[in-house]
Amino acid sequence: MTIMSWVDPVIGEIEEHFAEKIKRNEPLIIRDEKTLSGKVHIGSMRGIIIHGLIAQVLSEKGIENDFKFELNDFDPMDGLPVYVDQEEYKKHMGKPLFTVPSYKPRSENYPMVFGDELKEVVQPLGLPIDFYHLRPLYEAGKFNDVIFEALNNAEKIRTIYLEVSGGGKPSDWYPLSVVCEKCGKIGTTQVIDWDGKFVKYACKPDYVEWAEGCGYEGQINPFDGAAKLPWKVEWAAKWKVLGVDIEGAGKDHYAAGGSREIAARISEEVFHYPTPFDIPYEFFNFKGKKMSASKGLGASSKEVADMLPPTLLKLLMIRKKPNQPIEFDPEGKTIPNLFDEYDRLSDHYFKRHPEPFEGFARTFQLTQINPYEPPPDLWQMRFTVLSFVLQMPHLDLETEAAKLKGSALTKAEKEALKERAFYVRQWLENCAPDEFKYTILTEAPADLELDEEQVNALKKLKDEFSDESLEWEGASIHELIHKVKEESEIEPQKIFQPLYQIFLGRDRGPQVGWFLSTFEREDIIHRLESVTD
């Protein structure tokens, strides 16, 4: 059996589950969403890319589908991010998000500051994604029927809450929030009666801790955007309204008595709609902590997307199965390791690896922005080497790249090198730990200690380097160092470590033969003389 990416078995399950619908050539509806209450954290990108990958592979197999992503602009404003004017925006707490003014000139309103930014992050990934806004669906009457069903089945919904979570709703609770006709807030209103046509409601001053209602009481027709369903009921309602077939969610929704279980029961028992095919996925941990908007942990999608080319951002999200957590530490080795993994996958895809593995090749294919065009086979400079070259003022990047490749770079390879250098340089400036930062010493460290064995080996190495017949390039130098090591019967670290210490003041560095080849032969000989004479 061919081993593929984790997505392929999932697609197999989807094909089996929806065989009849696929046979009728009806599109499968895939859905995900984000409430635009603040900057979209990078953890949300996992859901976007998982659902987008499902859509991509279904299309690859000729199966009609539509990936709808909701920009939720109708929820109440229930928190103030630290990056907005607290006094200015405090008065908007409790209002529907779409009514809150933007704090940036080019965005339509407050939520679309974050919606526009999210679109900017997602667009380069090449995912087949159809963005839509929630508010217009309510205003167009798309939710009228499910609102009617929910109000008529308020008691049944209260029972479901009680049975699933153990935290029941009061006997006078109705699953609806009205937009107050007086103050325009939606987070502060409580429906207190329903007669089949109208709801009575009160905008309570102390209904929630984060907003203050105006005290108005009134009666209103709850349809066509005048009211909205609460989260767990609305989740189930969206499945029915949009005809959703496939929708996963983050791990936090699957806790015992959690929102997914409540929504599933409401969907089946109240709205009589089957629960969508499920793809639960684990947390995205930023520096070992779960991403949290309320606690201010983690980075926004844009901040992380700016650290990585689109192919690497896709790899970050799909390299592990959905049920495995992702650990991301930009100030550690996550980014260098991710680039190295991408290059290894590339070796498998282009069959440069001695034992090409089809599963790795498939993952590489899925990271590409255009999955329908074969990616070009490009030579790439490894991340650690590139990070070193960029810190060496005496080196020219393209020249060193051509030396390492063994031939001139193609135009496409030059562009790829330029792009990778941009991200590496950015990482070096903002995130890199000290072990990745290099400075060439002007002279050997004064406190360098060498034993007799090391001095003799370095003297022999100096004499060998003085032989003009030695080709001054990485492979030849590296081979010569190993030859001297063998002849001197010295432990590897006793010859390699001093070479790094003499030039870098540390015990390790880039591949030593190539490293020494980047200097003039006379400079190397002179430095070795300074520590052996």
Protein backbone atom coordinates (compact mmCIF):
# COMPACT_ATOMS: atom_id res chain seq x y z
CA MET A 1 0.00 0.00 0.00
CA THR A 2 1.31 3.44 -0.91
CA ILE A 3 1.90 5.63 2.13
CA MET A 4 0.70 9.16 1.50
CA SER A 5 0.05 12.30 3.48
CA TRP A 6 -2.45 12.12 6.36
CA VAL A 7 -4.92 13.99 4.16
CA ASP A 8 -5.32 11.16 1.66
CA PRO A 9 -6.91 8.64 4.08
CA VAL A 10 -9.21 11.44 5.31
CA ILE A 11 -10.27 12.10 1.71
CA GLY A 12 -10.95 8.36 1.37
CA GLU A 13 -13.31 8.51 4.36
CA ILE A 14 -15.04 11.56 2.89
CA GLU A 15 -15.51 9.80 -0.45
CA GLU A 16 -17.10 6.84 1.29
CA HIS A 17 -19.27 8.99 3.58
CA PHE A 18 -20.62 11.17 0.76
CA ALA A 19 -20.58 8.60 -2.04
CA GLU A 20 -24.17 9.31 -3.13
CA LYS A 21 -23.75 13.08 -3.14
CA ILE A 22 -20.49 12.81 -5.07
CA LYS A 23 -22.18 10.49 -7.55
CA ARG A 24 -24.86 13.15 -8.13
CA ASN A 25 -22.02 15.67 -8.73
CA GLU A 26 -23.33 17.89 -5.95
CA PRO A 27 -20.61 20.03 -4.36
CA LEU A 28 -19.47 19.15 -0.86
CA ILE A 29 -19.67 22.19 1.40
CA ILE A 30 -16.64 22.71 3.67
CA ARG A 31 -16.82 25.43 6.30
CA ASP A 32 -14.70 27.21 8.89
CA GLU A 33 -14.98 30.60 10.60
CA LYS A 34 -13.35 33.27 12.71
CA THR A 35 -14.99 35.95 14.85
CA LEU A 36 -13.28 39.22 13.97
CA SER A 37 -12.95 40.60 17.49
CA GLY A 38 -9.19 41.12 17.28
CA LYS A 39 -6.07 40.11 15.38
CA VAL A 40 -6.44 36.56 14.11
CA HIS A 41 -3.93 34.39 15.96
CA ILE A 42 -1.73 32.00 14.07
CA GLY A 43 -3.53 29.07 15.73
CA SER A 44 -6.60 29.86 13.60
CA MET A 45 -4.54 29.32 10.46
CA ARG A 46 -4.36 25.62 11.25
CA GLY A 47 -8.09 25.25 10.70
CA ILE A 48 -7.99 27.37 7.55
CA ILE A 49 -5.17 25.35 6.02
CA ILE A 50 -6.58 21.95 7.06
CA HIS A 51 -9.97 22.76 5.54
CA GLY A 52 -8.30 24.38 2.53
CA LEU A 53 -6.15 21.29 1.99
CA ILE A 54 -9.25 19.07 2.11
CA ALA A 55 -10.83 21.28 -0.56
CA GLN A 56 -7.63 21.25 -2.63
CA VAL A 57 -7.30 17.45 -2.64
CA LEU A 58 -11.01 16.91 -3.34
CA SER A 59 -10.63 19.17 -6.38
CA GLU A 60 -7.49 17.27 -7.33
CA LYS A 61 -9.67 14.12 -7.48
CA GLY A 62 -12.36 15.86 -9.52
CA ILE A 63 -14.84 16.06 -6.63
CA GLU A 64 -16.91 19.25 -6.62
CA ASN A 65 -16.61 21.26 -3.40
CA ASP A 66 -16.88 24.75 -1.97
CA PHE A 67 -14.80 25.87 1.02
CA LYS A 68 -16.71 28.67 2.72
CA PHE A 69 -14.89 30.68 5.35
CA GLU A 70 -16.96 32.94 7.56
CA LEU A 71 -15.78 36.36 8.63
CA ASN A 72 -18.03 36.71 11.68
CA ASP A 73 -18.88 40.38 11.99
CA PHE A 74 -22.17 40.02 13.90
CA ASP A 75 -21.03 38.82 17.33
CA PRO A 76 -21.04 41.41 20.14
CA MET A 77 -17.87 43.29 20.95
CA ASP A 78 -17.00 41.65 24.27
CA GLY A 79 -13.35 42.57 24.78
CA LEU A 80 -10.93 45.42 24.15
CA PRO A 81 -7.57 44.41 22.64
CA VAL A 82 -4.61 46.27 24.11
CA TYR A 83 -3.79 47.84 20.73
CA VAL A 84 -6.99 49.94 20.50
CA ASP A 85 -7.80 53.20 22.30
CA GLN A 86 -9.46 51.89 25.46
CA GLU A 87 -11.48 55.03 26.20
CA GLU A 88 -12.60 55.50 22.61
CA TYR A 89 -13.78 51.89 22.15
CA LYS A 90 -15.18 51.23 25.62
CA LYS A 91 -18.48 52.84 24.56
CA HIS A 92 -18.88 50.22 21.81
CA MET A 93 -18.76 47.22 24.15
CA GLY A 94 -21.82 45.03 23.59
CA LYS A 95 -22.58 46.33 20.09
CA PRO A 96 -22.53 44.08 17.02
CA LEU A 97 -18.99 44.13 15.66
CA PHE A 98 -19.99 45.46 12.26
CA THR A 99 -21.36 48.66 13.85
CA VAL A 100 -18.04 49.48 15.53
CA PRO A 101 -15.95 51.98 13.53
CA SER A 102 -12.56 51.02 12.16
CA TYR A 103 -9.40 52.34 13.76
CA LYS A 104 -7.60 52.04 10.42
CA PRO A 105 -8.60 54.25 7.45
CA ARG A 106 -8.81 51.61 4.70
CA SER A 107 -11.08 49.11 6.46
CA GLU A 108 -14.87 49.22 6.23
CA ASN A 109 -15.38 48.79 9.99
CA TYR A 110 -13.69 47.47 13.12
CA PRO A 111 -13.97 43.72 12.35
CA MET A 112 -12.73 44.15 8.81
CA VAL A 113 -9.44 45.57 10.09
CA PHE A 114 -8.78 41.97 11.09
CA GLY A 115 -10.70 40.43 8.20
CA ASP A 116 -8.66 42.35 5.64
CA GLU A 117 -5.44 41.34 7.39
CA LEU A 118 -6.51 37.68 7.40
CA LYS A 119 -7.30 37.78 3.69
CA GLU A 120 -3.87 39.27 3.08
CA VAL A 121 -2.27 36.33 4.93
CA VAL A 122 -4.37 33.63 3.25
CA GLN A 123 -4.21 34.88 -0.33
CA PRO A 124 -0.56 33.84 -1.06
CA LEU A 125 -1.29 30.26 0.07
CA GLY A 126 -3.32 29.50 -3.06
CA LEU A 127 -6.13 27.81 -1.14
CA PRO A 128 -9.58 27.46 -2.78
CA ILE A 129 -11.38 29.63 -0.21
CA ASP A 130 -14.67 31.51 -0.47
CA PHE A 131 -14.91 34.26 2.17
CA TYR A 132 -18.35 35.40 3.31
CA HIS A 133 -19.73 37.69 6.02
CA LEU A 134 -22.25 36.53 8.62
CA ARG A 135 -24.33 39.69 9.02
CA PRO A 136 -25.69 39.82 5.42
CA LEU A 137 -27.04 36.27 5.78
CA TYR A 138 -29.10 37.30 8.79
CA GLU A 139 -30.28 40.48 7.07
CA ALA A 140 -31.28 38.54 3.95
CA GLY A 141 -33.50 36.26 6.06
CA LYS A 142 -31.34 33.13 5.63
CA PHE A 143 -31.54 32.48 9.39
CA ASN A 144 -35.26 33.23 9.80
CA ASP A 145 -36.35 29.59 9.72
CA VAL A 146 -33.72 28.37 12.19
CA ILE A 147 -34.48 31.29 14.54
CA PHE A 148 -38.14 30.27 14.43
CA GLU A 149 -37.23 26.63 15.14
CA ALA A 150 -34.89 27.59 17.97
CA LEU A 151 -37.46 29.79 19.71
CA ASN A 152 -40.16 27.15 19.37
CA ASN A 153 -37.79 24.56 20.83
CA ALA A 154 -36.29 26.69 23.59
CA GLU A 155 -37.15 24.12 26.24
CA LYS A 156 -35.55 21.29 24.26
CA ILE A 157 -32.39 23.38 23.77
CA ARG A 158 -32.25 24.15 27.50
CA THR A 159 -32.51 20.41 28.17
CA ILE A 160 -29.65 19.67 25.77
CA TYR A 161 -27.44 22.23 27.53
CA LEU A 162 -28.27 20.63 30.87
CA GLU A 163 -27.73 17.03 29.73
CA VAL A 164 -24.50 17.70 27.86
CA SER A 165 -22.71 20.24 30.05
CA GLY A 166 -24.50 19.92 33.38
CA GLY A 167 -24.84 23.70 33.38
CA GLY A 168 -28.42 24.31 32.46
CA LYS A 169 -30.00 27.57 31.35
CA PRO A 170 -32.72 29.30 33.45
CA SER A 171 -36.30 28.29 32.69
CA ASP A 172 -36.98 31.74 31.17
CA TRP A 173 -33.93 31.66 28.86
CA TYR A 174 -34.47 31.86 25.10
CA PRO A 175 -31.76 31.09 22.54
CA LEU A 176 -31.66 34.54 20.97
CA SER A 177 -30.06 37.96 21.39
CA VAL A 178 -31.85 41.03 20.04
CA VAL A 179 -30.22 44.20 18.75
CA CYS A 180 -31.58 46.79 21.19
CA GLU A 181 -33.70 49.34 19.33
CA LYS A 182 -32.57 52.13 21.65
CA CYS A 183 -28.82 51.67 22.25
CA GLY A 184 -27.93 49.28 19.42
CA LYS A 185 -26.26 46.72 21.70
CA ILE A 186 -26.75 43.00 21.26
CA GLY A 187 -24.62 41.57 24.05
CA THR A 188 -26.78 43.08 26.80
CA THR A 189 -30.25 41.93 25.71
CA GLN A 190 -32.28 39.03 27.07
CA VAL A 191 -35.36 37.66 25.34
CA ILE A 192 -38.05 37.17 27.96
CA ASP A 193 -41.01 36.00 25.84
CA TRP A 194 -41.95 34.65 22.41
CA ASP A 195 -45.47 34.53 21.03
CA GLY A 196 -44.76 32.97 17.66
CA LYS A 197 -44.35 36.30 15.87
CA PHE A 198 -42.62 38.71 18.22
CA VAL A 199 -40.15 38.50 21.07
CA LYS A 200 -40.17 40.64 24.15
CA TYR A 201 -36.75 41.61 25.40
CA ALA A 202 -34.94 43.67 28.00
CA CYS A 203 -31.62 45.46 27.56
CA LYS A 204 -30.23 44.88 31.03
CA PRO A 205 -27.59 47.13 32.63
CA ASP A 206 -25.94 44.21 34.44
CA TYR A 207 -26.68 41.26 32.10
CA VAL A 208 -22.95 40.77 31.31
CA GLU A 209 -19.80 41.98 33.04
CA TRP A 210 -18.19 43.47 29.95
CA ALA A 211 -20.97 45.80 28.76
CA GLU A 212 -23.78 47.89 30.22
CA GLY A 213 -27.31 47.76 28.81
CA CYS A 214 -29.53 50.82 28.60
CA GLY A 215 -32.53 49.39 30.50
CA TYR A 216 -34.90 49.57 27.52
CA GLU A 217 -37.66 46.95 27.21
CA GLY A 218 -39.48 46.32 23.99
CA GLN A 219 -41.08 43.94 21.52
CA ILE A 220 -39.73 43.16 18.06
CA ASN A 221 -39.97 40.81 15.12
CA PRO A 222 -36.70 38.86 15.54
CA PHE A 223 -36.07 38.19 11.85
CA ASP A 224 -34.06 39.76 8.99
CA GLY A 225 -31.07 40.79 11.10
CA ALA A 226 -32.90 42.17 14.13
CA ALA A 227 -31.49 39.39 16.32
CA LYS A 228 -28.97 36.56 16.29
CA LEU A 229 -28.60 33.14 17.83
CA PRO A 230 -26.10 32.44 20.65
CA TRP A 231 -22.85 30.71 19.70
CA LYS A 232 -23.57 27.02 20.28
CA VAL A 233 -27.05 27.20 18.80
CA GLU A 234 -25.83 29.35 15.94
CA TRP A 235 -23.05 26.88 15.12
CA ALA A 236 -25.64 24.18 14.52
CA ALA A 237 -27.87 26.63 12.64
CA LYS A 238 -25.03 27.54 10.27
CA TRP A 239 -24.61 23.91 9.29
CA LYS A 240 -28.22 23.78 8.17
CA VAL A 241 -28.40 27.25 6.61
CA LEU A 242 -25.26 26.71 4.53
CA GLY A 243 -25.71 22.98 3.93
CA VAL A 244 -22.36 22.15 5.53
CA ASP A 245 -20.95 18.67 4.90
CA ILE A 246 -17.45 18.95 6.38
CA GLU A 247 -16.29 21.05 9.31
CA GLY A 248 -13.65 20.39 11.94
CA ALA A 249 -12.67 22.48 14.92
CA GLY A 250 -9.94 22.99 17.50
CA LYS A 251 -9.48 20.68 20.46
CA ASP A 252 -11.02 23.11 22.95
CA HIS A 253 -14.46 22.58 21.37
CA TYR A 254 -14.32 18.83 22.08
CA ALA A 255 -14.00 18.82 25.84
CA ALA A 256 -16.64 16.76 27.62
CA GLY A 257 -19.83 18.80 27.61
CA GLY A 258 -18.28 21.22 25.16
CA SER A 259 -19.62 23.29 22.32
CA ARG A 260 -19.23 20.67 19.57
CA GLU A 261 -21.32 18.11 21.43
CA ILE A 262 -24.03 20.64 22.26
CA ALA A 263 -24.10 21.94 18.67
CA ALA A 264 -24.26 18.38 17.29
CA ARG A 265 -27.30 17.51 19.41
CA ILE A 266 -29.07 20.78 18.58
CA SER A 267 -28.34 20.21 14.89
CA GLU A 268 -29.84 16.72 14.90
CA GLU A 269 -32.63 17.07 17.46
CA VAL A 270 -33.83 20.63 16.83
CA PHE A 271 -32.86 21.50 13.27
CA HIS A 272 -32.97 17.88 12.03
CA TYR A 273 -29.72 18.29 10.15
CA PRO A 274 -26.86 15.75 10.27
CA THR A 275 -23.67 16.75 12.04
CA PRO A 276 -20.94 17.50 9.48
CA PHE A 277 -18.01 15.17 8.86
CA ASP A 278 -15.61 16.02 11.65
CA ILE A 279 -11.88 16.78 11.61
CA PRO A 280 -10.81 17.71 15.17
CA TYR A 281 -7.39 19.26 15.41
CA GLU A 282 -4.98 19.89 18.26
CA PHE A 283 -3.68 23.16 19.65
CA PHE A 284 -1.05 25.36 18.07
CA ASN A 285 1.36 26.12 20.89
CA PHE A 286 3.41 29.27 20.72
CA LYS A 287 6.58 28.87 22.79
CA GLY A 288 4.91 25.93 24.55
CA LYS A 289 1.72 27.78 25.53
CA LYS A 290 -1.68 27.47 23.93
CA MET A 291 -2.53 30.51 21.87
CA SER A 292 -4.91 32.77 23.78
CA ALA A 293 -6.43 36.05 22.69
CA SER A 294 -7.76 36.86 26.14
CA LYS A 295 -4.36 36.34 27.81
CA GLY A 296 -2.37 37.97 25.06
CA LEU A 297 -0.27 34.87 24.34
CA GLY A 298 1.10 34.16 20.93
CA ALA A 299 1.47 36.05 17.67
CA SER A 300 -1.02 37.04 15.03
CA SER A 301 -1.35 35.13 11.77
CA LYS A 302 0.22 38.04 9.94
CA GLU A 303 3.21 38.23 12.28
CA VAL A 304 4.02 34.54 11.79
CA ALA A 305 3.18 34.60 8.08
CA ASP A 306 5.69 37.43 7.69
CA MET A 307 8.38 35.13 9.11
CA LEU A 308 7.89 32.39 6.49
CA PRO A 309 7.37 32.01 2.74
CA PRO A 310 3.86 30.66 1.94
CA THR A 311 5.11 27.12 1.19
CA LEU A 312 6.76 26.94 4.61
CA LEU A 313 3.64 28.28 6.35
CA LYS A 314 1.63 25.51 4.69
CA LEU A 315 4.25 22.94 5.71
CA LEU A 316 4.15 24.18 9.31
CA MET A 317 0.41 23.48 9.41
CA ILE A 318 0.21 20.18 7.50
CA ARG A 319 3.43 18.38 8.44
CA LYS A 320 1.74 16.81 11.45
CA LYS A 321 -1.56 14.96 11.63
CA PRO A 322 -4.43 17.14 12.87
CA ASN A 323 -4.58 15.23 16.17
CA GLN A 324 -0.97 16.19 17.00
CA PRO A 325 -0.12 19.59 18.54
CA ILE A 326 2.15 22.03 16.74
CA GLU A 327 4.96 23.61 18.74
CA PHE A 328 6.29 26.90 17.42
CA ASP A 329 9.14 28.87 18.93
CA PRO A 330 10.45 31.58 16.57
CA GLU A 331 13.32 32.33 18.97
CA GLY A 332 14.43 28.70 19.00
CA LYS A 333 15.17 26.24 16.19
CA THR A 334 11.63 25.89 14.80
CA ILE A 335 12.24 28.07 11.74
CA PRO A 336 15.70 26.67 10.77
CA ASN A 337 14.37 23.12 11.25
CA LEU A 338 11.31 23.90 9.13
CA PHE A 339 13.46 25.10 6.23
CA ASP A 340 15.66 22.01 6.56
CA GLU A 341 12.61 19.75 6.55
CA TYR A 342 11.28 21.45 3.43
CA ASP A 343 14.60 20.81 1.68
CA ARG A 344 14.59 17.14 2.75
CA LEU A 345 11.05 16.72 1.43
CA SER A 346 12.21 18.33 -1.80
CA ASP A 347 14.99 15.73 -2.07
CA HIS A 348 12.38 12.97 -1.78
CA TYR A 349 10.07 14.59 -4.33
CA PHE A 350 12.81 15.04 -6.92
CA LYS A 351 14.29 11.62 -6.10
CA ARG A 352 17.62 13.08 -4.98
CA HIS A 353 17.39 11.12 -1.72
CA PRO A 354 19.06 7.68 -1.80
CA GLU A 355 15.80 6.09 -0.63
CA PRO A 356 12.95 8.34 -1.89
CA PHE A 357 9.80 8.02 0.21
CA GLU A 358 6.50 8.71 -1.50
CA GLY A 359 4.82 9.98 1.67
CA PHE A 360 7.43 12.74 2.03
CA ALA A 361 7.20 13.55 -1.67
CA ARG A 362 3.43 13.90 -1.34
CA THR A 363 3.76 16.30 1.59
CA PHE A 364 6.16 18.43 -0.46
CA GLN A 365 3.68 18.49 -3.32
CA LEU A 366 0.88 19.63 -1.01
CA THR A 367 2.93 22.57 0.28
CA GLN A 368 3.14 24.06 -3.20
CA ILE A 369 1.06 27.12 -4.00
CA ASN A 370 -0.17 25.79 -7.31
CA PRO A 371 -0.75 22.05 -6.78
CA TYR A 372 -1.62 21.53 -10.45
CA GLU A 373 1.79 22.56 -11.78
CA PRO A 374 4.90 20.51 -11.03
CA PRO A 375 7.31 22.58 -8.92
CA PRO A 376 10.68 23.47 -10.47
CA ASP A 377 13.68 21.49 -9.29
CA LEU A 378 15.84 24.24 -7.81
CA TRP A 379 19.15 24.12 -5.99
CA GLN A 380 18.71 25.78 -2.57
CA MET A 381 21.29 26.94 -0.08
CA ARG A 382 20.66 25.36 3.31
CA PHE A 383 19.31 27.63 6.03
CA THR A 384 22.26 27.37 8.43
CA VAL A 385 24.79 28.02 5.66
CA LEU A 386 22.78 30.96 4.38
CA SER A 387 22.44 32.40 7.86
CA PHE A 388 26.23 32.27 8.19
CA VAL A 389 26.98 33.80 4.78
CA LEU A 390 24.63 36.70 5.44
CA GLN A 391 26.62 37.58 8.56
CA MET A 392 29.97 37.57 6.77
CA PRO A 393 30.69 41.01 5.26
CA HIS A 394 33.55 39.57 3.19
CA LEU A 395 31.29 37.14 1.32
CA ASP A 396 29.09 37.64 -1.74
CA LEU A 397 25.94 35.54 -1.47
CA GLU A 398 25.55 34.56 -5.14
CA THR A 399 29.25 33.76 -5.47
CA GLU A 400 29.19 31.44 -2.46
CA ALA A 401 25.98 29.83 -3.67
CA ALA A 402 27.51 29.06 -7.05
CA LYS A 403 30.59 27.59 -5.34
CA LEU A 404 28.44 25.34 -3.18
CA LYS A 405 26.25 24.27 -6.09
CA GLY A 406 29.28 23.63 -8.29
CA SER A 407 27.91 25.68 -11.20
CA ALA A 408 26.25 29.00 -11.95
CA LEU A 409 22.77 29.56 -10.53
CA THR A 410 19.82 29.73 -12.90
CA LYS A 411 17.60 32.80 -12.92
CA ALA A 412 14.95 30.90 -10.92
CA GLU A 413 17.58 29.75 -8.39
CA LYS A 414 18.78 33.34 -7.94
CA GLU A 415 15.21 34.43 -7.23
CA ALA A 416 14.71 31.55 -4.78
CA LEU A 417 18.00 32.45 -3.05
CA LYS A 418 16.96 36.08 -2.80
CA GLU A 419 13.60 35.13 -1.27
CA ARG A 420 15.15 32.73 1.23
CA ALA A 421 17.79 35.30 2.18
CA PHE A 422 15.02 37.79 2.95
CA TYR A 423 13.42 35.45 5.50
CA VAL A 424 16.74 34.30 6.97
CA ARG A 425 17.96 37.87 7.40
CA GLN A 426 14.68 38.81 9.07
CA TRP A 427 14.98 35.85 11.46
CA LEU A 428 18.58 36.75 12.29
CA GLU A 429 17.62 40.34 13.09
CA ASN A 430 14.53 39.59 15.18
CA CYS A 431 14.51 36.04 16.55
CA ALA A 432 17.71 34.05 16.19
CA PRO A 433 19.30 32.61 19.36
CA ASP A 434 22.96 33.41 20.02
CA GLU A 435 24.17 30.06 18.70
CA PHE A 436 23.18 31.15 15.17
CA LYS A 437 24.95 34.51 15.38
CA TYR A 438 28.53 34.71 14.15
CA THR A 439 31.28 37.31 14.21
CA ILE A 440 34.70 36.67 12.71
CA LEU A 441 37.42 37.43 15.26
CA THR A 442 40.17 39.79 14.22
CA GLU A 443 42.66 37.56 16.05
CA ALA A 444 42.65 34.27 17.92
CA PRO A 445 41.29 34.39 21.50
CA ALA A 446 44.00 35.28 24.04
CA ASP A 447 42.79 32.54 26.38
CA LEU A 448 42.90 29.76 23.77
CA GLU A 449 44.44 26.63 25.30
CA LEU A 450 45.94 23.94 23.06
CA ASP A 451 47.75 20.80 24.12
CA GLU A 452 50.82 19.44 22.35
CA GLU A 453 48.77 17.08 20.20
CA GLN A 454 46.61 19.94 18.95
CA VAL A 455 49.57 22.26 18.28
CA ASN A 456 51.33 19.58 16.21
CA ALA A 457 48.17 18.81 14.23
CA LEU A 458 47.52 22.48 13.49
CA LYS A 459 51.19 22.98 12.47
CA LYS A 460 50.89 20.09 10.01
CA LEU A 461 47.62 21.55 8.73
CA LYS A 462 49.32 24.95 8.22
CA ASP A 463 52.12 23.30 6.21
CA GLU A 464 49.63 21.40 4.07
CA PHE A 465 47.63 24.60 3.42
CA SER A 466 50.87 26.25 2.24
CA ASP A 467 51.13 23.78 -0.63
CA GLU A 468 50.00 25.80 -3.66
CA SER A 469 48.93 22.62 -5.44
CA LEU A 470 46.04 22.29 -2.92
CA GLU A 471 42.83 23.49 -4.60
CA TRP A 472 41.43 26.15 -2.28
CA GLU A 473 37.82 24.99 -2.13
CA GLY A 474 35.62 23.43 0.52
CA ALA A 475 35.75 19.74 -0.40
CA SER A 476 39.56 19.68 -0.79
CA ILE A 477 40.11 21.54 2.49
CA HIS A 478 37.67 19.30 4.34
CA GLU A 479 39.34 16.17 2.97
CA LEU A 480 42.76 17.50 3.97
CA ILE A 481 41.66 18.23 7.56
CA HIS A 482 40.44 14.62 7.88
CA LYS A 483 43.73 13.37 6.43
CA VAL A 484 45.72 15.35 9.01
CA LYS A 485 43.40 14.11 11.76
CA GLU A 486 44.04 10.49 10.78
CA GLU A 487 47.79 10.94 10.44
CA SER A 488 47.97 12.73 13.80
CA GLU A 489 45.81 10.07 15.45
CA ILE A 490 43.84 12.83 17.15
CA GLU A 491 40.21 12.87 18.23
CA PRO A 492 37.97 14.76 15.74
CA GLN A 493 36.87 17.42 18.24
CA LYS A 494 40.52 18.15 19.14
CA ILE A 495 41.19 19.46 15.65
CA PHE A 496 37.77 20.79 14.62
CA GLN A 497 37.04 22.74 17.80
CA PRO A 498 40.29 24.77 17.72
CA LEU A 499 39.62 25.76 14.10
CA TYR A 500 36.26 27.21 15.09
CA GLN A 501 37.67 28.77 18.27
CA ILE A 502 40.50 30.48 16.37
CA PHE A 503 38.15 32.22 13.94
CA LEU A 504 34.77 32.36 15.72
CA GLY A 505 35.56 32.06 19.41
CA ARG A 506 33.21 29.07 19.75
CA ASP A 507 33.32 25.28 19.60
CA ARG A 508 31.24 24.73 16.48
CA GLY A 509 30.12 26.42 13.30
CA PRO A 510 29.31 25.75 9.64
CA GLN A 511 30.93 22.92 7.67
CA VAL A 512 34.60 23.54 8.35
CA GLY A 513 36.06 22.96 4.88
CA TRP A 514 33.66 25.35 3.21
CA PHE A 515 34.04 27.82 6.11
CA LEU A 516 37.83 28.03 5.73
CA SER A 517 37.52 28.26 1.93
CA THR A 518 35.68 31.56 2.30
CA PHE A 519 38.93 33.20 3.51
CA GLU A 520 42.14 33.90 1.62
CA ARG A 521 44.65 31.07 1.98
CA GLU A 522 47.25 33.46 3.41
CA ASP A 523 44.85 34.66 6.12
CA ILE A 524 44.24 31.09 7.29
CA ILE A 525 47.97 30.29 7.32
CA HIS A 526 48.74 33.47 9.23
CA ARG A 527 46.07 32.74 11.86
CA LEU A 528 47.36 29.17 12.36
CA GLU A 529 50.90 30.50 12.74
CA SER A 530 49.72 32.87 15.47
CA VAL A 531 48.56 29.98 17.68
CA THR A 532 51.27 27.40 16.93
CA ASP A 533 54.53 29.38 16.94
